[in-house]
C-alpha cells in the first residue's frame, strides 16, 4: 500500500471499492517480520480497536436516527458491535497473555 492515510482512500466520501483488499494488505503489513505469537497479538489488537470503532460509529448513528425508519437497523448493528467488542477484548487479552504482554 503506497499511502494509508484516510484521505488516500477516497475523495468522494465513499469507502474505496477495494476496501477488503486494502485492509487485508494492512493486516499483512502489521504482522510483517513478527513471530507468530506477536503477529497474533497485533491482529487481536486490531480486531479489538476495529470493533470498538465500529461500536462507536454505530452507536452515534443509532442515536442520530432514533425515531426514523432506519433506526432499528442501526440499533441492531450497534448491539452486534457491542458483542463483537466483548469477544474481541477476550481475544486480545488471551493473545496478549500468550505473547507475554500485559495488554
PDB file of N, CA and C in Angstrom:
ATOM      1  N   UNK A   1       0.852  -1.172   0.000  1.00  0.00           N
ATOM      2  CA  UNK A   1       0.000   0.000   0.000  1.00  0.00           C
ATOM      3  C   UNK A   1       0.891   1.226   0.000  1.00  0.00           C
ATOM      4  N   UNK A   2       0.680   2.077  -0.937  1.00  0.00           N
ATOM      5  CA  UNK A   2       1.560   3.221  -1.050  1.00  0.00           C
ATOM      6  C   UNK A   2       1.197   4.337  -0.095  1.00  0.00           C
ATOM      7  N   UNK A   3      -0.070   4.549   0.156  1.00  0.00           N
ATOM      8  CA  UNK A   3      -0.479   5.638   1.028  1.00  0.00           C
ATOM      9  C   UNK A   3      -1.665   5.174   1.850  1.00  0.00           C
ATOM     10  N   UNK A   4      -1.504   5.072   3.166  1.00  0.00           N
ATOM     11  CA  UNK A   4      -2.572   4.540   4.004  1.00  0.00           C
ATOM     12  C   UNK A   4      -3.341   5.625   4.743  1.00  0.00           C
ATOM     13  N   UNK A   5      -3.184   6.879   4.345  1.00  0.00           N
ATOM     14  CA  UNK A   5      -3.923   7.946   5.002  1.00  0.00           C
ATOM     15  C   UNK A   5      -5.387   7.857   4.626  1.00  0.00           C
ATOM     16  N   UNK A   6      -6.285   8.293   5.528  1.00  0.00           N
ATOM     17  CA  UNK A   6      -7.710   8.252   5.203  1.00  0.00           C
ATOM     18  C   UNK A   6      -8.036   9.026   3.929  1.00  0.00           C
ATOM     19  N   UNK A   7      -7.327  10.114   3.679  1.00  0.00           N
ATOM     20  CA  UNK A   7      -7.589  10.916   2.501  1.00  0.00           C
ATOM     21  C   UNK A   7      -7.272  10.144   1.222  1.00  0.00           C
ATOM     22  N   UNK A   8      -6.305   9.225   1.304  1.00  0.00           N
ATOM     23  CA  UNK A   8      -5.933   8.451   0.128  1.00  0.00           C
ATOM     24  C   UNK A   8      -6.995   7.425  -0.227  1.00  0.00           C
ATOM     25  N   UNK A   9      -7.831   7.051   0.724  1.00  0.00           N
ATOM     26  CA  UNK A   9      -8.823   6.016   0.489  1.00  0.00           C
ATOM     27  C   UNK A   9      -9.900   6.476  -0.487  1.00  0.00           C
ATOM     28  N   UNK A  10     -10.323   7.698  -0.394  1.00  0.00           N
ATOM     29  CA  UNK A  10     -11.411   8.179  -1.234  1.00  0.00           C
ATOM     30  C   UNK A  10     -11.450   9.693  -1.216  1.00  0.00           C
ATOM     31  N   UNK A  11     -11.909  10.246  -2.292  1.00  0.00           N
ATOM     32  CA  UNK A  11     -12.067  11.702  -2.356  1.00  0.00           C
ATOM     33  C   UNK A  11     -13.535  12.087  -2.416  1.00  0.00           C
ATOM     34  N   UNK A  12     -14.423  11.107  -2.518  1.00  0.00           N
ATOM     35  CA  UNK A  12     -15.847  11.403  -2.673  1.00  0.00           C
ATOM     36  C   UNK A  12     -16.687  11.018  -1.458  1.00  0.00           C
ATOM     37  N   UNK A  13     -16.050  10.725  -0.329  1.00  0.00           N
ATOM     38  CA  UNK A  13     -16.787  10.390   0.886  1.00  0.00           C
ATOM     39  C   UNK A  13     -17.268   8.951   0.941  1.00  0.00           C
ATOM     40  N   UNK A  14     -16.893   8.139  -0.023  1.00  0.00           N
ATOM     41  CA  UNK A  14     -17.303   6.740  -0.044  1.00  0.00           C
ATOM     42  C   UNK A  14     -16.111   5.846   0.256  1.00  0.00           C
ATOM     43  N   UNK A  15     -16.408   4.682   0.827  1.00  0.00           N
ATOM     44  CA  UNK A  15     -15.347   3.697   1.062  1.00  0.00           C
ATOM     45  C   UNK A  15     -14.791   3.254  -0.281  1.00  0.00           C
ATOM     46  N   UNK A  16     -13.513   2.961  -0.338  1.00  0.00           N
ATOM     47  CA  UNK A  16     -12.939   2.514  -1.611  1.00  0.00           C
ATOM     48  C   UNK A  16     -13.542   1.182  -2.042  1.00  0.00           C
ATOM     49  N   UNK A  17     -13.637   0.965  -3.341  1.00  0.00           N
ATOM     50  CA  UNK A  17     -14.206  -0.267  -3.872  1.00  0.00           C
ATOM     51  C   UNK A  17     -13.408  -1.485  -3.427  1.00  0.00           C
ATOM     52  N   UNK A  18     -12.121  -1.288  -3.205  1.00  0.00           N
ATOM     53  CA  UNK A  18     -11.246  -2.394  -2.810  1.00  0.00           C
ATOM     54  C   UNK A  18     -10.964  -2.379  -1.309  1.00  0.00           C
ATOM     55  N   UNK A  19     -11.943  -1.991  -0.514  1.00  0.00           N
ATOM     56  CA  UNK A  19     -11.747  -1.845   0.932  1.00  0.00           C
ATOM     57  C   UNK A  19     -11.219  -3.130   1.568  1.00  0.00           C
ATOM     58  N   UNK A  20     -11.786  -4.270   1.218  1.00  0.00           N
ATOM     59  CA  UNK A  20     -11.343  -5.522   1.841  1.00  0.00           C
ATOM     60  C   UNK A  20      -9.904  -5.832   1.471  1.00  0.00           C
ATOM     61  N   UNK A  21      -9.531  -5.637   0.214  1.00  0.00           N
ATOM     62  CA  UNK A  21      -8.148  -5.897  -0.204  1.00  0.00           C
ATOM     63  C   UNK A  21      -7.183  -4.951   0.503  1.00  0.00           C
ATOM     64  N   UNK A  22      -7.564  -3.711   0.670  1.00  0.00           N
ATOM     65  CA  UNK A  22      -6.708  -2.738   1.350  1.00  0.00           C
ATOM     66  C   UNK A  22      -6.521  -3.110   2.817  1.00  0.00           C
ATOM     67  N   UNK A  23      -7.588  -3.542   3.465  1.00  0.00           N
ATOM     68  CA  UNK A  23      -7.488  -3.950   4.870  1.00  0.00           C
ATOM     69  C   UNK A  23      -6.662  -5.224   4.988  1.00  0.00           C
ATOM     70  N   UNK A  24      -6.858  -6.155   4.071  1.00  0.00           N
ATOM     71  CA  UNK A  24      -6.042  -7.377   4.086  1.00  0.00           C
ATOM     72  C   UNK A  24      -4.554  -7.024   3.972  1.00  0.00           C
ATOM     73  N   UNK A  25      -4.223  -6.074   3.100  1.00  0.00           N
ATOM     74  CA  UNK A  25      -2.822  -5.648   2.944  1.00  0.00           C
ATOM     75  C   UNK A  25      -2.318  -4.983   4.218  1.00  0.00           C
ATOM     76  N   UNK A  26      -3.160  -4.188   4.856  1.00  0.00           N
ATOM     77  CA  UNK A  26      -2.787  -3.545   6.117  1.00  0.00           C
ATOM     78  C   UNK A  26      -2.476  -4.598   7.180  1.00  0.00           C
ATOM     79  N   UNK A  27      -3.309  -5.611   7.267  1.00  0.00           N
ATOM     80  CA  UNK A  27      -3.088  -6.678   8.246  1.00  0.00           C
ATOM     81  C   UNK A  27      -1.764  -7.393   7.966  1.00  0.00           C
ATOM     82  N   UNK A  28      -1.503  -7.700   6.707  1.00  0.00           N
ATOM     83  CA  UNK A  28      -0.224  -8.336   6.358  1.00  0.00           C
ATOM     84  C   UNK A  28       0.947  -7.423   6.719  1.00  0.00           C
ATOM     85  N   UNK A  29       0.822  -6.129   6.435  1.00  0.00           N
ATOM     86  CA  UNK A  29       1.890  -5.172   6.756  1.00  0.00           C
ATOM     87  C   UNK A  29       2.146  -5.108   8.260  1.00  0.00           C
ATOM     88  N   UNK A  30       1.073  -5.129   9.059  1.00  0.00           N
ATOM     89  CA  UNK A  30       1.223  -5.031  10.509  1.00  0.00           C
ATOM     90  C   UNK A  30       1.955  -6.224  11.110  1.00  0.00           C
ATOM     91  N   UNK A  31       1.794  -7.386  10.503  1.00  0.00           N
ATOM     92  CA  UNK A  31       2.420  -8.580  11.081  1.00  0.00           C
ATOM     93  C   UNK A  31       3.743  -8.951  10.423  1.00  0.00           C
ATOM     94  N   UNK A  32       4.142  -8.188   9.435  1.00  0.00           N
ATOM     95  CA  UNK A  32       5.386  -8.482   8.729  1.00  0.00           C
ATOM     96  C   UNK A  32       6.579  -8.448   9.683  1.00  0.00           C
ATOM     97  N   UNK A  33       7.377  -9.509   9.655  1.00  0.00           N
ATOM     98  CA  UNK A  33       8.584  -9.591  10.464  1.00  0.00           C
ATOM     99  C   UNK A  33       8.367 -10.007  11.907  1.00  0.00           C
ATOM    100  N   UNK A  34       7.127 -10.258  12.289  1.00  0.00           N
ATOM    101  CA  UNK A  34       6.839 -10.666  13.672  1.00  0.00           C
ATOM    102  C   UNK A  34       6.786 -12.186  13.772  1.00  0.00           C
ATOM    103  N   UNK A  35       7.149 -12.709  14.941  1.00  0.00           N
ATOM    104  CA  UNK A  35       6.938 -14.139  15.125  1.00  0.00           C
ATOM    105  C   UNK A  35       5.438 -14.376  15.309  1.00  0.00           C
ATOM    106  N   UNK A  36       5.022 -15.614  15.229  1.00  0.00           N
ATOM    107  CA  UNK A  36       3.600 -15.948  15.205  1.00  0.00           C
ATOM    108  C   UNK A  36       2.850 -15.407  16.419  1.00  0.00           C
ATOM    109  N   UNK A  37       3.384 -15.565  17.635  1.00  0.00           N
ATOM    110  CA  UNK A  37       2.697 -15.087  18.838  1.00  0.00           C
ATOM    111  C   UNK A  37       2.491 -13.579  18.804  1.00  0.00           C
ATOM    112  N   UNK A  38       3.514 -12.854  18.364  1.00  0.00           N
ATOM    113  CA  UNK A  38       3.412 -11.400  18.299  1.00  0.00           C
ATOM    114  C   UNK A  38       2.461 -10.959  17.183  1.00  0.00           C
ATOM    115  N   UNK A  39       2.481 -11.662  16.055  1.00  0.00           N
ATOM    116  CA  UNK A  39       1.565 -11.350  14.952  1.00  0.00           C
ATOM    117  C   UNK A  39       0.115 -11.551  15.393  1.00  0.00           C
ATOM    118  N   UNK A  40      -0.132 -12.646  16.113  1.00  0.00           N
ATOM    119  CA  UNK A  40      -1.482 -12.900  16.622  1.00  0.00           C
ATOM    120  C   UNK A  40      -1.900 -11.788  17.567  1.00  0.00           C
ATOM    121  N   UNK A  41      -1.007 -11.355  18.421  1.00  0.00           N
ATOM    122  CA  UNK A  41      -1.318 -10.261  19.335  1.00  0.00           C
ATOM    123  C   UNK A  41      -1.677  -8.992  18.562  1.00  0.00           C
ATOM    124  N   UNK A  42      -0.873  -8.647  17.563  1.00  0.00           N
ATOM    125  CA  UNK A  42      -1.129  -7.429  16.794  1.00  0.00           C
ATOM    126  C   UNK A  42      -2.480  -7.506  16.081  1.00  0.00           C
ATOM    127  N   UNK A  43      -2.786  -8.649  15.483  1.00  0.00           N
ATOM    128  CA  UNK A  43      -4.067  -8.804  14.794  1.00  0.00           C
ATOM    129  C   UNK A  43      -5.222  -8.756  15.797  1.00  0.00           C
ATOM    130  N   UNK A  44      -5.047  -9.319  16.984  1.00  0.00           N
ATOM    131  CA  UNK A  44      -6.088  -9.265  18.022  1.00  0.00           C
ATOM    132  C   UNK A  44      -6.315  -7.837  18.495  1.00  0.00           C
ATOM    133  N   UNK A  45      -5.244  -7.060  18.622  1.00  0.00           N
ATOM    134  CA  UNK A  45      -5.387  -5.643  18.991  1.00  0.00           C
ATOM    135  C   UNK A  45      -6.144  -4.900  17.899  1.00  0.00           C
ATOM    136  N   UNK A  46      -5.805  -5.168  16.651  1.00  0.00           N
ATOM    137  CA  UNK A  46      -6.508  -4.537  15.536  1.00  0.00           C
ATOM    138  C   UNK A  46      -7.997  -4.891  15.564  1.00  0.00           C
ATOM    139  N   UNK A  47      -8.302  -6.149  15.789  1.00  0.00           N
ATOM    140  CA  UNK A  47      -9.709  -6.569  15.856  1.00  0.00           C
ATOM    141  C   UNK A  47     -10.439  -5.856  16.985  1.00  0.00           C
ATOM    142  N   UNK A  48      -9.794  -5.753  18.131  1.00  0.00           N
ATOM    143  CA  UNK A  48     -10.403  -5.086  19.276  1.00  0.00           C
ATOM    144  C   UNK A  48     -10.651  -3.611  18.996  1.00  0.00           C
ATOM    145  N   UNK A  49      -9.658  -2.922  18.465  1.00  0.00           N
ATOM    146  CA  UNK A  49      -9.802  -1.492  18.196  1.00  0.00           C
ATOM    147  C   UNK A  49     -10.808  -1.249  17.070  1.00  0.00           C
ATOM    148  N   UNK A  50     -10.828  -2.150  16.073  1.00  0.00           N
ATOM    149  CA  UNK A  50     -11.803  -2.028  14.982  1.00  0.00           C
ATOM    150  C   UNK A  50     -13.224  -2.230  15.500  1.00  0.00           C
ATOM    151  N   UNK A  51     -13.384  -3.222  16.361  1.00  0.00           N
ATOM    152  CA  UNK A  51     -14.704  -3.473  16.949  1.00  0.00           C
ATOM    153  C   UNK A  51     -15.160  -2.275  17.777  1.00  0.00           C
ATOM    154  N   UNK A  52     -14.249  -1.706  18.545  1.00  0.00           N
ATOM    155  CA  UNK A  52     -14.597  -0.543  19.368  1.00  0.00           C
ATOM    156  C   UNK A  52     -15.004   0.645  18.494  1.00  0.00           C
ATOM    157  N   UNK A  53     -14.291   0.840  17.394  1.00  0.00           N
ATOM    158  CA  UNK A  53     -14.627   1.949  16.495  1.00  0.00           C
ATOM    159  C   UNK A  53     -15.963   1.702  15.792  1.00  0.00           C
ATOM    160  N   UNK A  54     -16.211   0.470  15.368  1.00  0.00           N
ATOM    161  CA  UNK A  54     -17.499   0.129  14.773  1.00  0.00           C
ATOM    162  C   UNK A  54     -18.626   0.404  15.760  1.00  0.00           C
ATOM    163  N   UNK A  55     -18.436   0.012  16.999  1.00  0.00           N
ATOM    164  CA  UNK A  55     -19.454   0.264  18.022  1.00  0.00           C
ATOM    165  C   UNK A  55     -19.679   1.759  18.220  1.00  0.00           C
ATOM    166  N   UNK A  56     -18.586   2.526  18.291  1.00  0.00           N
ATOM    167  CA  UNK A  56     -18.704   3.969  18.483  1.00  0.00           C
ATOM    168  C   UNK A  56     -19.495   4.617  17.342  1.00  0.00           C
ATOM    169  N   UNK A  57     -19.154   4.254  16.116  1.00  0.00           N
ATOM    170  CA  UNK A  57     -19.827   4.838  14.956  1.00  0.00           C
ATOM    171  C   UNK A  57     -21.294   4.414  14.878  1.00  0.00           C
ATOM    172  N   UNK A  58     -21.559   3.120  15.076  1.00  0.00           N
ATOM    173  CA  UNK A  58     -22.936   2.628  15.005  1.00  0.00           C
ATOM    174  C   UNK A  58     -23.787   3.196  16.130  1.00  0.00           C
ATOM    175  N   UNK A  59     -23.208   3.336  17.303  1.00  0.00           N
ATOM    176  CA  UNK A  59     -23.934   3.911  18.431  1.00  0.00           C
ATOM    177  C   UNK A  59     -24.328   5.358  18.135  1.00  0.00           C
ATOM    178  N   UNK A  60     -23.399   6.124  17.606  1.00  0.00           N
ATOM    179  CA  UNK A  60     -23.690   7.526  17.271  1.00  0.00           C
ATOM    180  C   UNK A  60     -24.783   7.614  16.211  1.00  0.00           C
ATOM    181  N   UNK A  61     -24.711   6.736  15.215  1.00  0.00           N
ATOM    182  CA  UNK A  61     -25.707   6.755  14.149  1.00  0.00           C
ATOM    183  C   UNK A  61     -27.068   6.301  14.666  1.00  0.00           C
ATOM    184  N   UNK A  62     -27.088   5.308  15.547  1.00  0.00           N
ATOM    185  CA  UNK A  62     -28.359   4.856  16.120  1.00  0.00           C
ATOM    186  C   UNK A  62     -29.014   5.980  16.914  1.00  0.00           C
ATOM    187  N   UNK A  63     -28.211   6.701  17.679  1.00  0.00           N
ATOM    188  CA  UNK A  63     -28.758   7.832  18.440  1.00  0.00           C
ATOM    189  C   UNK A  63     -29.280   8.920  17.517  1.00  0.00           C
ATOM    190  N   UNK A  64     -28.565   9.166  16.422  1.00  0.00           N
ATOM    191  CA  UNK A  64     -28.950  10.232  15.491  1.00  0.00           C
ATOM    192  C   UNK A  64     -30.204   9.887  14.689  1.00  0.00           C
ATOM    193  N   UNK A  65     -30.485   8.600  14.523  1.00  0.00           N
ATOM    194  CA  UNK A  65     -31.635   8.202  13.696  1.00  0.00           C
ATOM    195  C   UNK A  65     -32.822   7.711  14.518  1.00  0.00           C
ATOM    196  N   UNK A  66     -32.767   7.896  15.825  1.00  0.00           N
ATOM    197  CA  UNK A  66     -33.871   7.436  16.684  1.00  0.00           C
ATOM    198  C   UNK A  66     -35.192   8.021  16.182  1.00  0.00           C
ATOM    199  N   UNK A  67     -36.174   7.154  16.013  1.00  0.00           N
ATOM    200  CA  UNK A  67     -37.476   7.576  15.535  1.00  0.00           C
ATOM    201  C   UNK A  67     -37.616   7.553  14.017  1.00  0.00           C
ATOM    202  N   UNK A  68     -36.527   7.326  13.307  1.00  0.00           N
ATOM    203  CA  UNK A  68     -36.565   7.235  11.847  1.00  0.00           C
ATOM    204  C   UNK A  68     -36.683   5.781  11.424  1.00  0.00           C
ATOM    205  N   UNK A  69     -37.094   5.529  10.188  1.00  0.00           N
ATOM    206  CA  UNK A  69     -37.261   4.141   9.727  1.00  0.00           C
ATOM    207  C   UNK A  69     -35.991   3.288   9.804  1.00  0.00           C
ATOM    208  N   UNK A  70     -34.819   3.902   9.676  1.00  0.00           N
ATOM    209  CA  UNK A  70     -33.579   3.120   9.694  1.00  0.00           C
ATOM    210  C   UNK A  70     -33.037   2.884  11.102  1.00  0.00           C
ATOM    211  N   UNK A  71     -33.667   3.450  12.100  1.00  0.00           N
ATOM    212  CA  UNK A  71     -33.149   3.339  13.460  1.00  0.00           C
ATOM    213  C   UNK A  71     -32.956   1.887  13.899  1.00  0.00           C
ATOM    214  N   UNK A  72     -33.914   1.025  13.628  1.00  0.00           N
ATOM    215  CA  UNK A  72     -33.828  -0.372  14.050  1.00  0.00           C
ATOM    216  C   UNK A  72     -32.592  -1.075  13.494  1.00  0.00           C
ATOM    217  N   UNK A  73     -32.282  -0.793  12.255  1.00  0.00           N
ATOM    218  CA  UNK A  73     -31.095  -1.400  11.649  1.00  0.00           C
ATOM    219  C   UNK A  73     -29.822  -0.874  12.297  1.00  0.00           C
ATOM    220  N   UNK A  74     -29.771   0.431  12.570  1.00  0.00           N
ATOM    221  CA  UNK A  74     -28.589   0.998  13.232  1.00  0.00           C
ATOM    222  C   UNK A  74     -28.464   0.472  14.651  1.00  0.00           C
ATOM    223  N   UNK A  75     -29.582   0.354  15.347  1.00  0.00           N
ATOM    224  CA  UNK A  75     -29.556  -0.168  16.718  1.00  0.00           C
ATOM    225  C   UNK A  75     -29.109  -1.628  16.727  1.00  0.00           C
ATOM    226  N   UNK A  76     -29.559  -2.394  15.749  1.00  0.00           N
ATOM    227  CA  UNK A  76     -29.140  -3.792  15.643  1.00  0.00           C
ATOM    228  C   UNK A  76     -27.637  -3.895  15.385  1.00  0.00           C
ATOM    229  N   UNK A  77     -27.134  -3.061  14.495  1.00  0.00           N
ATOM    230  CA  UNK A  77     -25.693  -3.048  14.226  1.00  0.00           C
ATOM    231  C   UNK A  77     -24.917  -2.646  15.471  1.00  0.00           C
ATOM    232  N   UNK A  78     -25.411  -1.660  16.183  1.00  0.00           N
ATOM    233  CA  UNK A  78     -24.740  -1.211  17.410  1.00  0.00           C
ATOM    234  C   UNK A  78     -24.703  -2.329  18.444  1.00  0.00           C
ATOM    235  N   UNK A  79     -25.791  -3.078  18.579  1.00  0.00           N
ATOM    236  CA  UNK A  79     -25.820  -4.198  19.522  1.00  0.00           C
ATOM    237  C   UNK A  79     -24.851  -5.305  19.107  1.00  0.00           C
ATOM    238  N   UNK A  80     -24.813  -5.625  17.831  1.00  0.00           N
ATOM    239  CA  UNK A  80     -23.877  -6.639  17.341  1.00  0.00           C
ATOM    240  C   UNK A  80     -22.435  -6.183  17.561  1.00  0.00           C
ATOM    241  N   UNK A  81     -22.187  -4.907  17.332  1.00  0.00           N
ATOM    242  CA  UNK A  81     -20.833  -4.369  17.519  1.00  0.00           C
ATOM    243  C   UNK A  81     -20.428  -4.426  18.990  1.00  0.00           C
ATOM    244  N   UNK A  82     -21.370  -4.208  19.887  1.00  0.00           N
ATOM    245  CA  UNK A  82     -21.064  -4.296  21.319  1.00  0.00           C
ATOM    246  C   UNK A  82     -20.639  -5.717  21.686  1.00  0.00           C
ATOM    247  N   UNK A  83     -21.365  -6.711  21.149  1.00  0.00           N
ATOM    248  CA  UNK A  83     -20.979  -8.105  21.396  1.00  0.00           C
ATOM    249  C   UNK A  83     -19.608  -8.398  20.792  1.00  0.00           C
ATOM    250  N   UNK A  84     -19.344  -7.835  19.631  1.00  0.00           N
ATOM    251  CA  UNK A  84     -18.052  -8.011  18.978  1.00  0.00           C
ATOM    252  C   UNK A  84     -16.926  -7.428  19.823  1.00  0.00           C
ATOM    253  N   UNK A  85     -17.174  -6.269  20.432  1.00  0.00           N
ATOM    254  CA  UNK A  85     -16.169  -5.659  21.312  1.00  0.00           C
ATOM    255  C   UNK A  85     -15.841  -6.603  22.465  1.00  0.00           C
ATOM    256  N   UNK A  86     -16.858  -7.194  23.062  1.00  0.00           N
ATOM    257  CA  UNK A  86     -16.624  -8.110  24.186  1.00  0.00           C
ATOM    258  C   UNK A  86     -15.796  -9.312  23.759  1.00  0.00           C
ATOM    259  N   UNK A  87     -16.140  -9.907  22.625  1.00  0.00           N
ATOM    260  CA  UNK A  87     -15.378 -11.062  22.141  1.00  0.00           C
ATOM    261  C   UNK A  87     -13.968 -10.668  21.721  1.00  0.00           C
ATOM    262  N   UNK A  88     -13.834  -9.529  21.042  1.00  0.00           N
ATOM    263  CA  UNK A  88     -12.510  -9.078  20.599  1.00  0.00           C
ATOM    264  C   UNK A  88     -11.625  -8.729  21.792  1.00  0.00           C
ATOM    265  N   UNK A  89     -12.224  -8.231  22.861  1.00  0.00           N
ATOM    266  CA  UNK A  89     -11.458  -7.926  24.069  1.00  0.00           C
ATOM    267  C   UNK A  89     -10.922  -9.217  24.684  1.00  0.00           C
ATOM    268  N   UNK A  90     -11.747 -10.248  24.740  1.00  0.00           N
ATOM    269  CA  UNK A  90     -11.288 -11.545  25.253  1.00  0.00           C
ATOM    270  C   UNK A  90     -10.174 -12.110  24.382  1.00  0.00           C
ATOM    271  N   UNK A  91     -10.326 -11.998  23.066  1.00  0.00           N
ATOM    272  CA  UNK A  91      -9.287 -12.489  22.151  1.00  0.00           C
ATOM    273  C   UNK A  91      -7.996 -11.701  22.335  1.00  0.00           C
ATOM    274  N   UNK A  92      -8.103 -10.394  22.445  1.00  0.00           N
ATOM    275  CA  UNK A  92      -6.912  -9.556  22.642  1.00  0.00           C
ATOM    276  C   UNK A  92      -6.212  -9.908  23.941  1.00  0.00           C
ATOM    277  N   UNK A  93      -6.969 -10.064  25.010  1.00  0.00           N
ATOM    278  CA  UNK A  93      -6.370 -10.381  26.306  1.00  0.00           C
ATOM    279  C   UNK A  93      -5.702 -11.760  26.286  1.00  0.00           C
ATOM    280  N   UNK A  94      -6.347 -12.738  25.636  1.00  0.00           N
ATOM    281  CA  UNK A  94      -5.741 -14.062  25.529  1.00  0.00           C
ATOM    282  C   UNK A  94      -4.479 -14.031  24.680  1.00  0.00           C
ATOM    283  N   UNK A  95      -4.520 -13.290  23.579  1.00  0.00           N
ATOM    284  CA  UNK A  95      -3.345 -13.178  22.714  1.00  0.00           C
ATOM    285  C   UNK A  95      -2.208 -12.459  23.436  1.00  0.00           C
ATOM    286  N   UNK A  96      -2.555 -11.454  24.231  1.00  0.00           N
ATOM    287  CA  UNK A  96      -1.527 -10.732  24.992  1.00  0.00           C
ATOM    288  C   UNK A  96      -0.831 -11.670  25.966  1.00  0.00           C
ATOM    289  N   UNK A  97      -1.615 -12.475  26.637  1.00  0.00           N
ATOM    290  CA  UNK A  97      -1.047 -13.416  27.603  1.00  0.00           C
ATOM    291  C   UNK A  97      -0.111 -14.410  26.905  1.00  0.00           C
ATOM    292  N   UNK A  98      -0.545 -14.946  25.785  1.00  0.00           N
ATOM    293  CA  UNK A  98       0.254 -15.925  25.045  1.00  0.00           C
ATOM    294  C   UNK A  98       1.513 -15.292  24.446  1.00  0.00           C
ATOM    295  N   UNK A  99       1.439 -13.996  24.156  1.00  0.00           N
ATOM    296  CA  UNK A  99       2.591 -13.286  23.583  1.00  0.00           C
ATOM    297  C   UNK A  99       3.509 -12.710  24.657  1.00  0.00           C
ATOM    298  N   UNK A 100       3.164 -12.962  25.935  1.00  0.00           N
ATOM    299  CA  UNK A 100       3.984 -12.448  27.024  1.00  0.00           C
ATOM    300  C   UNK A 100       3.867 -10.953  27.239  1.00  0.00           C
ATOM    301  N   UNK A 101       2.686 -10.419  26.915  1.00  0.00           N
ATOM    302  CA  UNK A 101       2.435  -8.985  27.092  1.00  0.00           C
ATOM    303  C   UNK A 101       1.365  -8.796  28.146  1.00  0.00           C
ATOM    304  N   UNK A 102       1.358  -7.608  28.712  1.00  0.00           N
ATOM    305  CA  UNK A 102       0.333  -7.335  29.734  1.00  0.00           C
ATOM    306  C   UNK A 102      -0.926  -6.731  29.139  1.00  0.00           C
ATOM    307  N   UNK A 103      -0.929  -6.408  27.866  1.00  0.00           N
ATOM    308  CA  UNK A 103      -2.050  -5.838  27.130  1.00  0.00           C
ATOM    309  C   UNK A 103      -1.728  -4.497  26.727  1.00  0.00           C
TER     310      UNK A 103
END
